[in-house]
Amino acid sequence: MRKGIIFSFEACVSCLVFLLILLTMPSQPTVSLKELALFQQENDLLRVWSSEYPSYTEIEEDLKKLFLDAEVFVDSRRVAETGKEKANSIASEAIIIDSYLTERKFKLIVYYE
């Protein structure tokens, strides 16, 4: 009888120590899907632009509608920008053929916090 009581006391202490260890472990940061959503919006916008080659004013209007802080480069030349640069960014690139069958390299960079 005595051995059974000692065993259950040791088991309770072990469980308490295990629970304390679990409670003191740092929690993992919450996963944010913000980057994925921004990346998807970038790619969708580049697809739209590839089907209908936009003018520079249309590019700037699209940027203002979709993103607070972004910029577009066409053939390494800044065409449009909105907002100010922030610490984090996501970039997408695409080669788009214009109406004169000339390849243009579009680079879209979106900044976020």
PDB file of N, CA and C in Angstrom:
ATOM      1  N   MET A   1       0.813  -1.192   0.000  1.00  0.00           N
ATOM      2  CA  MET A   1       0.000   0.000   0.000  1.00  0.00           C
ATOM      3  C   MET A   1       0.859   1.260   0.000  1.00  0.00           C
ATOM      4  N   ARG A   2       1.866   1.245   0.752  1.00  0.00           N
ATOM      5  CA  ARG A   2       2.720   2.413   0.858  1.00  0.00           C
ATOM      6  C   ARG A   2       3.426   2.719  -0.466  1.00  0.00           C
ATOM      7  N   LYS A   3       3.851   1.720  -1.200  1.00  0.00           N
ATOM      8  CA  LYS A   3       4.523   1.927  -2.474  1.00  0.00           C
ATOM      9  C   LYS A   3       3.590   2.588  -3.492  1.00  0.00           C
ATOM     10  N   GLY A   4       2.331   2.249  -3.456  1.00  0.00           N
ATOM     11  CA  GLY A   4       1.368   2.845  -4.374  1.00  0.00           C
ATOM     12  C   GLY A   4       1.167   4.323  -4.117  1.00  0.00           C
ATOM     13  N   ILE A   5       1.147   4.753  -2.888  1.00  0.00           N
ATOM     14  CA  ILE A   5       0.975   6.167  -2.547  1.00  0.00           C
ATOM     15  C   ILE A   5       2.198   6.971  -2.971  1.00  0.00           C
ATOM     16  N   ILE A   6       3.370   6.454  -2.746  1.00  0.00           N
ATOM     17  CA  ILE A   6       4.607   7.137  -3.133  1.00  0.00           C
ATOM     18  C   ILE A   6       4.658   7.253  -4.659  1.00  0.00           C
ATOM     19  N   PHE A   7       4.266   6.208  -5.364  1.00  0.00           N
ATOM     20  CA  PHE A   7       4.283   6.250  -6.825  1.00  0.00           C
ATOM     21  C   PHE A   7       3.323   7.309  -7.354  1.00  0.00           C
ATOM     22  N   SER A   8       2.142   7.394  -6.815  1.00  0.00           N
ATOM     23  CA  SER A   8       1.192   8.374  -7.318  1.00  0.00           C
ATOM     24  C   SER A   8       1.633   9.796  -6.958  1.00  0.00           C
ATOM     25  N   PHE A   9       2.274   9.983  -5.819  1.00  0.00           N
ATOM     26  CA  PHE A   9       2.798  11.309  -5.477  1.00  0.00           C
ATOM     27  C   PHE A   9       3.885  11.726  -6.461  1.00  0.00           C
ATOM     28  N   GLU A  10       4.793  10.784  -6.806  1.00  0.00           N
ATOM     29  CA  GLU A  10       5.849  11.075  -7.778  1.00  0.00           C
ATOM     30  C   GLU A  10       5.245  11.365  -9.160  1.00  0.00           C
ATOM     31  N   ALA A  11       4.205  10.656  -9.496  1.00  0.00           N
ATOM     32  CA  ALA A  11       3.554  10.890 -10.792  1.00  0.00           C
ATOM     33  C   ALA A  11       2.916  12.275 -10.835  1.00  0.00           C
ATOM     34  N   CYS A  12       2.296  12.699  -9.718  1.00  0.00           N
ATOM     35  CA  CYS A  12       1.698  14.044  -9.665  1.00  0.00           C
ATOM     36  C   CYS A  12       2.757  15.123  -9.776  1.00  0.00           C
ATOM     37  N   VAL A  13       3.857  14.945  -9.086  1.00  0.00           N
ATOM     38  CA  VAL A  13       4.949  15.925  -9.155  1.00  0.00           C
ATOM     39  C   VAL A  13       5.508  15.985 -10.574  1.00  0.00           C
ATOM     40  N   SER A  14       5.668  14.837 -11.215  1.00  0.00           N
ATOM     41  CA  SER A  14       6.174  14.800 -12.596  1.00  0.00           C
ATOM     42  C   SER A  14       5.229  15.530 -13.549  1.00  0.00           C
ATOM     43  N   CYS A  15       3.946  15.309 -13.372  1.00  0.00           N
ATOM     44  CA  CYS A  15       2.963  15.985 -14.230  1.00  0.00           C
ATOM     45  C   CYS A  15       2.986  17.491 -14.008  1.00  0.00           C
ATOM     46  N   LEU A  16       3.112  17.912 -12.775  1.00  0.00           N
ATOM     47  CA  LEU A  16       3.188  19.348 -12.481  1.00  0.00           C
ATOM     48  C   LEU A  16       4.434  19.981 -13.092  1.00  0.00           C
ATOM     49  N   VAL A  17       5.559  19.306 -12.987  1.00  0.00           N
ATOM     50  CA  VAL A  17       6.798  19.816 -13.594  1.00  0.00           C
ATOM     51  C   VAL A  17       6.640  19.898 -15.112  1.00  0.00           C
ATOM     52  N   PHE A  18       6.054  18.883 -15.705  1.00  0.00           N
ATOM     53  CA  PHE A  18       5.838  18.883 -17.153  1.00  0.00           C
ATOM     54  C   PHE A  18       4.926  20.038 -17.576  1.00  0.00           C
ATOM     55  N   LEU A  19       3.852  20.272 -16.827  1.00  0.00           N
ATOM     56  CA  LEU A  19       2.946  21.379 -17.135  1.00  0.00           C
ATOM     57  C   LEU A  19       3.627  22.731 -16.972  1.00  0.00           C
ATOM     58  N   LEU A  20       4.463  22.878 -15.949  1.00  0.00           N
ATOM     59  CA  LEU A  20       5.199  24.127 -15.765  1.00  0.00           C
ATOM     60  C   LEU A  20       6.159  24.379 -16.918  1.00  0.00           C
ATOM     61  N   ILE A  21       6.789  23.333 -17.398  1.00  0.00           N
ATOM     62  CA  ILE A  21       7.694  23.479 -18.548  1.00  0.00           C
ATOM     63  C   ILE A  21       6.911  23.915 -19.779  1.00  0.00           C
ATOM     64  N   LEU A  22       5.761  23.304 -19.993  1.00  0.00           N
ATOM     65  CA  LEU A  22       4.944  23.682 -21.149  1.00  0.00           C
ATOM     66  C   LEU A  22       4.447  25.119 -21.058  1.00  0.00           C
ATOM     67  N   LEU A  23       4.086  25.551 -19.871  1.00  0.00           N
ATOM     68  CA  LEU A  23       3.580  26.914 -19.694  1.00  0.00           C
ATOM     69  C   LEU A  23       4.663  27.977 -19.848  1.00  0.00           C
ATOM     70  N   THR A  24       5.890  27.631 -19.517  1.00  0.00           N
ATOM     71  CA  THR A  24       6.968  28.623 -19.606  1.00  0.00           C
ATOM     72  C   THR A  24       7.622  28.674 -20.977  1.00  0.00           C
ATOM     73  N   MET A  25       7.281  27.749 -21.864  1.00  0.00           N
ATOM     74  CA  MET A  25       7.857  27.780 -23.210  1.00  0.00           C
ATOM     75  C   MET A  25       7.313  28.981 -23.976  1.00  0.00           C
ATOM     76  N   PRO A  26       8.166  29.636 -24.765  1.00  0.00           N
ATOM     77  CA  PRO A  26       7.668  30.784 -25.535  1.00  0.00           C
ATOM     78  C   PRO A  26       6.704  30.338 -26.613  1.00  0.00           C
ATOM     79  N   SER A  27       5.674  31.127 -26.821  1.00  0.00           N
ATOM     80  CA  SER A  27       4.694  30.789 -27.854  1.00  0.00           C
ATOM     81  C   SER A  27       5.225  31.210 -29.219  1.00  0.00           C
ATOM     82  N   GLN A  28       4.830  30.478 -30.225  1.00  0.00           N
ATOM     83  CA  GLN A  28       5.264  30.795 -31.578  1.00  0.00           C
ATOM     84  C   GLN A  28       4.464  31.987 -32.092  1.00  0.00           C
ATOM     85  N   PRO A  29       5.093  32.804 -32.914  1.00  0.00           N
ATOM     86  CA  PRO A  29       4.363  33.961 -33.438  1.00  0.00           C
ATOM     87  C   PRO A  29       3.194  33.521 -34.308  1.00  0.00           C
ATOM     88  N   THR A  30       2.165  34.336 -34.320  1.00  0.00           N
ATOM     89  CA  THR A  30       1.009  34.014 -35.142  1.00  0.00           C
ATOM     90  C   THR A  30       1.370  34.145 -36.614  1.00  0.00           C
ATOM     91  N   VAL A  31       0.875  33.237 -37.388  1.00  0.00           N
ATOM     92  CA  VAL A  31       1.172  33.230 -38.814  1.00  0.00           C
ATOM     93  C   VAL A  31       0.270  34.244 -39.502  1.00  0.00           C
ATOM     94  N   SER A  32       0.885  35.130 -40.275  1.00  0.00           N
ATOM     95  CA  SER A  32       0.124  36.147 -40.989  1.00  0.00           C
ATOM     96  C   SER A  32       0.085  35.794 -42.473  1.00  0.00           C
ATOM     97  N   LEU A  33      -1.060  35.926 -43.042  1.00  0.00           N
ATOM     98  CA  LEU A  33      -1.207  35.657 -44.466  1.00  0.00           C
ATOM     99  C   LEU A  33      -1.137  36.942 -45.283  1.00  0.00           C
ATOM    100  N   LYS A  34      -0.702  38.017 -44.652  1.00  0.00           N
ATOM    101  CA  LYS A  34      -0.629  39.313 -45.329  1.00  0.00           C
ATOM    102  C   LYS A  34       0.324  39.263 -46.521  1.00  0.00           C
ATOM    103  N   GLU A  35       1.498  38.642 -46.322  1.00  0.00           N
ATOM    104  CA  GLU A  35       2.469  38.568 -47.411  1.00  0.00           C
ATOM    105  C   GLU A  35       1.925  37.771 -48.594  1.00  0.00           C
ATOM    106  N   LEU A  36       1.248  36.682 -48.283  1.00  0.00           N
ATOM    107  CA  LEU A  36       0.676  35.856 -49.345  1.00  0.00           C
ATOM    108  C   LEU A  36      -0.407  36.607 -50.115  1.00  0.00           C
ATOM    109  N   ALA A  37      -1.231  37.350 -49.396  1.00  0.00           N
ATOM    110  CA  ALA A  37      -2.296  38.117 -50.050  1.00  0.00           C
ATOM    111  C   ALA A  37      -1.709  39.218 -50.939  1.00  0.00           C
ATOM    112  N   LEU A  38      -0.677  39.910 -50.446  1.00  0.00           N
ATOM    113  CA  LEU A  38      -0.035  40.954 -51.254  1.00  0.00           C
ATOM    114  C   LEU A  38       0.624  40.353 -52.492  1.00  0.00           C
ATOM    115  N   PHE A  39       1.290  39.217 -52.319  1.00  0.00           N
ATOM    116  CA  PHE A  39       1.944  38.558 -53.445  1.00  0.00           C
ATOM    117  C   PHE A  39       0.922  38.134 -54.496  1.00  0.00           C
ATOM    118  N   GLN A  40      -0.222  37.631 -54.045  1.00  0.00           N
ATOM    119  CA  GLN A  40      -1.278  37.231 -54.977  1.00  0.00           C
ATOM    120  C   GLN A  40      -1.836  38.443 -55.721  1.00  0.00           C
ATOM    121  N   GLN A  41      -2.024  39.555 -55.017  1.00  0.00           N
ATOM    122  CA  GLN A  41      -2.516  40.778 -55.679  1.00  0.00           C
ATOM    123  C   GLN A  41      -1.516  41.279 -56.711  1.00  0.00           C
ATOM    124  N   GLU A  42      -0.227  41.232 -56.375  1.00  0.00           N
ATOM    125  CA  GLU A  42       0.804  41.640 -57.338  1.00  0.00           C
ATOM    126  C   GLU A  42       0.727  40.801 -58.604  1.00  0.00           C
ATOM    127  N   ASN A  43       0.688  39.495 -58.429  1.00  0.00           N
ATOM    128  CA  ASN A  43       0.654  38.607 -59.593  1.00  0.00           C
ATOM    129  C   ASN A  43      -0.624  38.769 -60.406  1.00  0.00           C
ATOM    130  N   ASP A  44      -1.740  38.983 -59.743  1.00  0.00           N
ATOM    131  CA  ASP A  44      -2.990  39.218 -60.469  1.00  0.00           C
ATOM    132  C   ASP A  44      -2.907  40.500 -61.295  1.00  0.00           C
ATOM    133  N   LEU A  45      -2.333  41.546 -60.705  1.00  0.00           N
ATOM    134  CA  LEU A  45      -2.203  42.812 -61.428  1.00  0.00           C
ATOM    135  C   LEU A  45      -1.271  42.662 -62.625  1.00  0.00           C
ATOM    136  N   LEU A  46      -0.175  41.939 -62.458  1.00  0.00           N
ATOM    137  CA  LEU A  46       0.733  41.719 -63.586  1.00  0.00           C
ATOM    138  C   LEU A  46       0.062  40.891 -64.690  1.00  0.00           C
ATOM    139  N   ARG A  47      -0.805  39.969 -64.325  1.00  0.00           N
ATOM    140  CA  ARG A  47      -1.550  39.197 -65.333  1.00  0.00           C
ATOM    141  C   ARG A  47      -2.506  40.086 -66.113  1.00  0.00           C
ATOM    142  N   VAL A  48      -3.183  40.989 -65.405  1.00  0.00           N
ATOM    143  CA  VAL A  48      -4.100  41.910 -66.081  1.00  0.00           C
ATOM    144  C   VAL A  48      -3.315  42.794 -67.041  1.00  0.00           C
ATOM    145  N   TRP A  49      -2.186  43.293 -66.565  1.00  0.00           N
ATOM    146  CA  TRP A  49      -1.368  44.145 -67.429  1.00  0.00           C
ATOM    147  C   TRP A  49      -0.829  43.379 -68.628  1.00  0.00           C
ATOM    148  N   SER A  50      -0.575  42.086 -68.476  1.00  0.00           N
ATOM    149  CA  SER A  50      -0.048  41.326 -69.612  1.00  0.00           C
ATOM    150  C   SER A  50      -1.110  41.081 -70.673  1.00  0.00           C
ATOM    151  N   SER A  51      -2.371  40.998 -70.257  1.00  0.00           N
ATOM    152  CA  SER A  51      -3.424  40.780 -71.254  1.00  0.00           C
ATOM    153  C   SER A  51      -3.780  42.072 -71.981  1.00  0.00           C
ATOM    154  N   GLU A  52      -3.747  43.180 -71.273  1.00  0.00           N
ATOM    155  CA  GLU A  52      -4.020  44.489 -71.884  1.00  0.00           C
ATOM    156  C   GLU A  52      -2.893  45.423 -71.474  1.00  0.00           C
ATOM    157  N   TYR A  53      -1.975  45.662 -72.381  1.00  0.00           N
ATOM    158  CA  TYR A  53      -0.808  46.482 -72.052  1.00  0.00           C
ATOM    159  C   TYR A  53      -1.266  47.886 -71.641  1.00  0.00           C
ATOM    160  N   PRO A  54      -0.975  48.316 -70.411  1.00  0.00           N
ATOM    161  CA  PRO A  54      -1.485  49.602 -69.911  1.00  0.00           C
ATOM    162  C   PRO A  54      -0.568  50.775 -70.250  1.00  0.00           C
ATOM    163  N   SER A  55      -1.152  51.964 -70.253  1.00  0.00           N
ATOM    164  CA  SER A  55      -0.339  53.176 -70.370  1.00  0.00           C
ATOM    165  C   SER A  55       0.194  53.507 -68.977  1.00  0.00           C
ATOM    166  N   TYR A  56       1.118  54.455 -68.911  1.00  0.00           N
ATOM    167  CA  TYR A  56       1.711  54.809 -67.613  1.00  0.00           C
ATOM    168  C   TYR A  56       0.681  55.427 -66.669  1.00  0.00           C
ATOM    169  N   THR A  57      -0.277  56.146 -67.187  1.00  0.00           N
ATOM    170  CA  THR A  57      -1.317  56.709 -66.318  1.00  0.00           C
ATOM    171  C   THR A  57      -2.217  55.606 -65.761  1.00  0.00           C
ATOM    172  N   GLU A  58      -2.511  54.597 -66.585  1.00  0.00           N
ATOM    173  CA  GLU A  58      -3.310  53.469 -66.102  1.00  0.00           C
ATOM    174  C   GLU A  58      -2.558  52.672 -65.034  1.00  0.00           C
ATOM    175  N   ILE A  59      -1.259  52.553 -65.198  1.00  0.00           N
ATOM    176  CA  ILE A  59      -0.444  51.859 -64.194  1.00  0.00           C
ATOM    177  C   ILE A  59      -0.532  52.591 -62.863  1.00  0.00           C
ATOM    178  N   GLU A  60      -0.400  53.902 -62.905  1.00  0.00           N
ATOM    179  CA  GLU A  60      -0.454  54.683 -61.673  1.00  0.00           C
ATOM    180  C   GLU A  60      -1.844  54.615 -61.030  1.00  0.00           C
ATOM    181  N   GLU A  61      -2.895  54.645 -61.825  1.00  0.00           N
ATOM    182  CA  GLU A  61      -4.256  54.531 -61.288  1.00  0.00           C
ATOM    183  C   GLU A  61      -4.477  53.169 -60.628  1.00  0.00           C
ATOM    184  N   ASP A  62      -3.986  52.104 -61.266  1.00  0.00           N
ATOM    185  CA  ASP A  62      -4.126  50.770 -60.685  1.00  0.00           C
ATOM    186  C   ASP A  62      -3.379  50.657 -59.363  1.00  0.00           C
ATOM    187  N   LEU A  63      -2.204  51.255 -59.307  1.00  0.00           N
ATOM    188  CA  LEU A  63      -1.440  51.223 -58.053  1.00  0.00           C
ATOM    189  C   LEU A  63      -2.174  51.929 -56.926  1.00  0.00           C
ATOM    190  N   LYS A  64      -2.746  53.080 -57.236  1.00  0.00           N
ATOM    191  CA  LYS A  64      -3.459  53.838 -56.200  1.00  0.00           C
ATOM    192  C   LYS A  64      -4.685  53.082 -55.704  1.00  0.00           C
ATOM    193  N   LYS A  65      -5.330  52.310 -56.586  1.00  0.00           N
ATOM    194  CA  LYS A  65      -6.517  51.553 -56.189  1.00  0.00           C
ATOM    195  C   LYS A  65      -6.167  50.358 -55.305  1.00  0.00           C
ATOM    196  N   LEU A  66      -5.053  49.699 -55.601  1.00  0.00           N
ATOM    197  CA  LEU A  66      -4.754  48.440 -54.922  1.00  0.00           C
ATOM    198  C   LEU A  66      -3.803  48.548 -53.728  1.00  0.00           C
ATOM    199  N   PHE A  67      -2.775  49.378 -53.836  1.00  0.00           N
ATOM    200  CA  PHE A  67      -1.723  49.383 -52.825  1.00  0.00           C
ATOM    201  C   PHE A  67      -1.500  50.785 -52.269  1.00  0.00           C
ATOM    202  N   LEU A  68      -1.223  50.841 -50.969  1.00  0.00           N
ATOM    203  CA  LEU A  68      -0.907  52.126 -50.350  1.00  0.00           C
ATOM    204  C   LEU A  68       0.510  52.570 -50.681  1.00  0.00           C
ATOM    205  N   ASP A  69       1.455  51.630 -50.583  1.00  0.00           N
ATOM    206  CA  ASP A  69       2.862  51.931 -50.813  1.00  0.00           C
ATOM    207  C   ASP A  69       3.421  50.948 -51.833  1.00  0.00           C
ATOM    208  N   ALA A  70       3.674  51.424 -53.041  1.00  0.00           N
ATOM    209  CA  ALA A  70       4.182  50.545 -54.091  1.00  0.00           C
ATOM    210  C   ALA A  70       4.888  51.371 -55.152  1.00  0.00           C
ATOM    211  N   GLU A  71       5.668  50.683 -55.966  1.00  0.00           N
ATOM    212  CA  GLU A  71       6.288  51.335 -57.122  1.00  0.00           C
ATOM    213  C   GLU A  71       6.446  50.318 -58.246  1.00  0.00           C
ATOM    214  N   VAL A  72       6.456  50.831 -59.462  1.00  0.00           N
ATOM    215  CA  VAL A  72       6.554  49.991 -60.657  1.00  0.00           C
ATOM    216  C   VAL A  72       7.737  50.464 -61.479  1.00  0.00           C
ATOM    217  N   PHE A  73       8.529  49.500 -61.932  1.00  0.00           N
ATOM    218  CA  PHE A  73       9.638  49.774 -62.829  1.00  0.00           C
ATOM    219  C   PHE A  73       9.355  49.068 -64.150  1.00  0.00           C
ATOM    220  N   VAL A  74       9.570  49.788 -65.237  1.00  0.00           N
ATOM    221  CA  VAL A  74       9.465  49.189 -66.571  1.00  0.00           C
ATOM    222  C   VAL A  74      10.829  49.356 -67.215  1.00  0.00           C
ATOM    223  N   ASP A  75      11.450  48.240 -67.539  1.00  0.00           N
ATOM    224  CA  ASP A  75      12.814  48.233 -68.085  1.00  0.00           C
ATOM    225  C   ASP A  75      13.768  49.032 -67.196  1.00  0.00           C
ATOM    226  N   SER A  76      13.728  48.771 -65.909  1.00  0.00           N
ATOM    227  CA  SER A  76      14.602  49.385 -64.892  1.00  0.00           C
ATOM    228  C   SER A  76      14.398  50.888 -64.722  1.00  0.00           C
ATOM    229  N   ARG A  77      13.298  51.411 -65.204  1.00  0.00           N
ATOM    230  CA  ARG A  77      12.977  52.834 -65.048  1.00  0.00           C
ATOM    231  C   ARG A  77      11.700  52.961 -64.220  1.00  0.00           C
ATOM    232  N   ARG A  78      11.760  53.760 -63.166  1.00  0.00           N
ATOM    233  CA  ARG A  78      10.580  53.928 -62.309  1.00  0.00           C
ATOM    234  C   ARG A  78       9.502  54.660 -63.089  1.00  0.00           C
ATOM    235  N   VAL A  79       8.333  54.034 -63.138  1.00  0.00           N
ATOM    236  CA  VAL A  79       7.215  54.584 -63.891  1.00  0.00           C
ATOM    237  C   VAL A  79       6.194  55.212 -62.964  1.00  0.00           C
ATOM    238  N   ALA A  80       5.908  54.532 -61.855  1.00  0.00           N
ATOM    239  CA  ALA A  80       4.882  55.022 -60.941  1.00  0.00           C
ATOM    240  C   ALA A  80       5.245  54.620 -59.522  1.00  0.00           C
ATOM    241  N   GLU A  81       4.794  55.458 -58.573  1.00  0.00           N
ATOM    242  CA  GLU A  81       4.988  55.114 -57.168  1.00  0.00           C
ATOM    243  C   GLU A  81       3.886  55.747 -56.338  1.00  0.00           C
ATOM    244  N   THR A  82       3.542  55.083 -55.250  1.00  0.00           N
ATOM    245  CA  THR A  82       2.565  55.615 -54.316  1.00  0.00           C
ATOM    246  C   THR A  82       3.120  55.428 -52.917  1.00  0.00           C
ATOM    247  N   GLY A  83       2.889  56.381 -52.055  1.00  0.00           N
ATOM    248  CA  GLY A  83       3.314  56.261 -50.671  1.00  0.00           C
ATOM    249  C   GLY A  83       4.815  56.321 -50.485  1.00  0.00           C
ATOM    250  N   LYS A  84       5.240  55.905 -49.313  1.00  0.00           N
ATOM    251  CA  LYS A  84       6.658  55.924 -48.971  1.00  0.00           C
ATOM    252  C   LYS A  84       7.140  54.507 -48.717  1.00  0.00           C
ATOM    253  N   GLU A  85       8.441  54.311 -48.895  1.00  0.00           N
ATOM    254  CA  GLU A  85       9.027  53.001 -48.669  1.00  0.00           C
ATOM    255  C   GLU A  85       8.981  52.652 -47.188  1.00  0.00           C
ATOM    256  N   LYS A  86       8.750  51.385 -46.909  1.00  0.00           N
ATOM    257  CA  LYS A  86       8.717  50.895 -45.534  1.00  0.00           C
ATOM    258  C   LYS A  86       9.722  49.767 -45.384  1.00  0.00           C
ATOM    259  N   ALA A  87       9.795  49.227 -44.200  1.00  0.00           N
ATOM    260  CA  ALA A  87      10.819  48.234 -43.888  1.00  0.00           C
ATOM    261  C   ALA A  87      10.678  46.947 -44.685  1.00  0.00           C
ATOM    262  N   ASN A  88       9.468  46.452 -44.873  1.00  0.00           N
ATOM    263  CA  ASN A  88       9.250  45.174 -45.562  1.00  0.00           C
ATOM    264  C   ASN A  88       8.741  45.402 -46.973  1.00  0.00           C
ATOM    265  N   SER A  89       9.108  44.496 -47.861  1.00  0.00           N
ATOM    266  CA  SER A  89       8.632  44.630 -49.243  1.00  0.00           C
ATOM    267  C   SER A  89       8.495  43.257 -49.880  1.00  0.00           C
ATOM    268  N   ILE A  90       7.635  43.217 -50.881  1.00  0.00           N
ATOM    269  CA  ILE A  90       7.450  42.022 -51.709  1.00  0.00           C
ATOM    270  C   ILE A  90       7.532  42.490 -53.159  1.00  0.00           C
ATOM    271  N   ALA A  91       8.306  41.774 -53.954  1.00  0.00           N
ATOM    272  CA  ALA A  91       8.488  42.171 -55.347  1.00  0.00           C
ATOM    273  C   ALA A  91       8.101  41.042 -56.285  1.00  0.00           C
ATOM    274  N   SER A  92       7.543  41.409 -57.423  1.00  0.00           N
ATOM    275  CA  SER A  92       7.204  40.461 -58.479  1.00  0.00           C
ATOM    276  C   SER A  92       7.664  41.045 -59.801  1.00  0.00           C
ATOM    277  N   GLU A  93       8.085  40.162 -60.680  1.00  0.00           N
ATOM    278  CA  GLU A  93       8.538  40.599 -61.998  1.00  0.00           C
ATOM    279  C   GLU A  93       7.806  39.816 -63.076  1.00  0.00           C
ATOM    280  N   ALA A  94       7.651  40.467 -64.215  1.00  0.00           N
ATOM    281  CA  ALA A  94       7.026  39.808 -65.366  1.00  0.00           C
ATOM    282  C   ALA A  94       7.551  40.435 -66.645  1.00  0.00           C
ATOM    283  N   ILE A  95       7.638  39.642 -67.667  1.00  0.00           N
ATOM    284  CA  ILE A  95       7.987  40.148 -68.993  1.00  0.00           C
ATOM    285  C   ILE A  95       6.694  40.225 -69.784  1.00  0.00           C
ATOM    286  N   ILE A  96       6.364  41.444 -70.210  1.00  0.00           N
ATOM    287  CA  ILE A  96       5.105  41.697 -70.893  1.00  0.00           C
ATOM    288  C   ILE A  96       5.409  42.227 -72.290  1.00  0.00           C
ATOM    289  N   ILE A  97       4.664  41.748 -73.262  1.00  0.00           N
ATOM    290  CA  ILE A  97       4.860  42.177 -74.649  1.00  0.00           C
ATOM    291  C   ILE A  97       3.853  43.265 -74.963  1.00  0.00           C
ATOM    292  N   ASP A  98       4.367  44.413 -75.421  1.00  0.00           N
ATOM    293  CA  ASP A  98       3.475  45.537 -75.714  1.00  0.00           C
ATOM    294  C   ASP A  98       2.864  45.393 -77.109  1.00  0.00           C
ATOM    295  N   SER A  99       2.129  46.414 -77.535  1.00  0.00           N
ATOM    296  CA  SER A  99       1.421  46.359 -78.825  1.00  0.00           C
ATOM    297  C   SER A  99       2.370  46.354 -80.019  1.00  0.00           C
ATOM    298  N   TYR A 100       3.627  46.776 -79.825  1.00  0.00           N
ATOM    299  CA  TYR A 100       4.627  46.757 -80.897  1.00  0.00           C
ATOM    300  C   TYR A 100       5.473  45.490 -80.855  1.00  0.00           C
ATOM    301  N   LEU A 101       5.025  44.495 -80.074  1.00  0.00           N
ATOM    302  CA  LEU A 101       5.708  43.213 -79.909  1.00  0.00           C
ATOM    303  C   LEU A 101       7.117  43.375 -79.333  1.00  0.00           C
ATOM    304  N   THR A 102       7.255  44.327 -78.441  1.00  0.00           N
ATOM    305  CA  THR A 102       8.511  44.558 -77.743  1.00  0.00           C
ATOM    306  C   THR A 102       8.385  44.025 -76.320  1.00  0.00           C
ATOM    307  N   GLU A 103       9.397  43.294 -75.890  1.00  0.00           N
ATOM    308  CA  GLU A 103       9.377  42.768 -74.532  1.00  0.00           C
ATOM    309  C   GLU A 103       9.694  43.883 -73.532  1.00  0.00           C
ATOM    310  N   ARG A 104       8.866  44.003 -72.530  1.00  0.00           N
ATOM    311  CA  ARG A 104       9.076  44.971 -71.455  1.00  0.00           C
ATOM    312  C   ARG A 104       9.144  44.207 -70.141  1.00  0.00           C
ATOM    313  N   LYS A 105      10.133  44.534 -69.339  1.00  0.00           N
ATOM    314  CA  LYS A 105      10.274  43.887 -68.035  1.00  0.00           C
ATOM    315  C   LYS A 105       9.624  44.759 -66.973  1.00  0.00           C
ATOM    316  N   PHE A 106       8.549  44.264 -66.391  1.00  0.00           N
ATOM    317  CA  PHE A 106       7.821  44.971 -65.335  1.00  0.00           C
ATOM    318  C   PHE A 106       8.282  44.435 -63.987  1.00  0.00           C
ATOM    319  N   LYS A 107       8.545  45.341 -63.072  1.00  0.00           N
ATOM    320  CA  LYS A 107       8.876  44.957 -61.699  1.00  0.00           C
ATOM    321  C   LYS A 107       7.972  45.750 -60.780  1.00  0.00           C
ATOM    322  N   LEU A 108       7.188  45.042 -59.979  1.00  0.00           N
ATOM    323  CA  LEU A 108       6.237  45.652 -59.054  1.00  0.00           C
ATOM    324  C   LEU A 108       6.701  45.364 -57.638  1.00  0.00           C
ATOM    325  N   ILE A 109       6.911  46.433 -56.856  1.00  0.00           N
ATOM    326  CA  ILE A 109       7.366  46.295 -55.469  1.00  0.00           C
ATOM    327  C   ILE A 109       6.296  46.911 -54.573  1.00  0.00           C
ATOM    328  N   VAL A 110       5.844  46.128 -53.594  1.00  0.00           N
ATOM    329  CA  VAL A 110       4.848  46.592 -52.631  1.00  0.00           C
ATOM    330  C   VAL A 110       5.508  46.625 -51.251  1.00  0.00           C
ATOM    331  N   TYR A 111       5.370  47.768 -50.576  1.00  0.00           N
ATOM    332  CA  TYR A 111       5.926  47.937 -49.233  1.00  0.00           C
ATOM    333  C   TYR A 111       4.826  47.805 -48.200  1.00  0.00           C
ATOM    334  N   TYR A 112       5.144  47.205 -47.066  1.00  0.00           N
ATOM    335  CA  TYR A 112       4.158  47.026 -46.007  1.00  0.00           C
ATOM    336  C   TYR A 112       4.864  47.002 -44.658  1.00  0.00           C
ATOM    337  N   GLU A 113       4.066  47.095 -43.623  1.00  0.00           N
ATOM    338  CA  GLU A 113       4.613  47.033 -42.249  1.00  0.00           C
ATOM    339  C   GLU A 113       4.316  45.706 -41.624  1.00  0.00           C
TER     340      GLU A 113
END
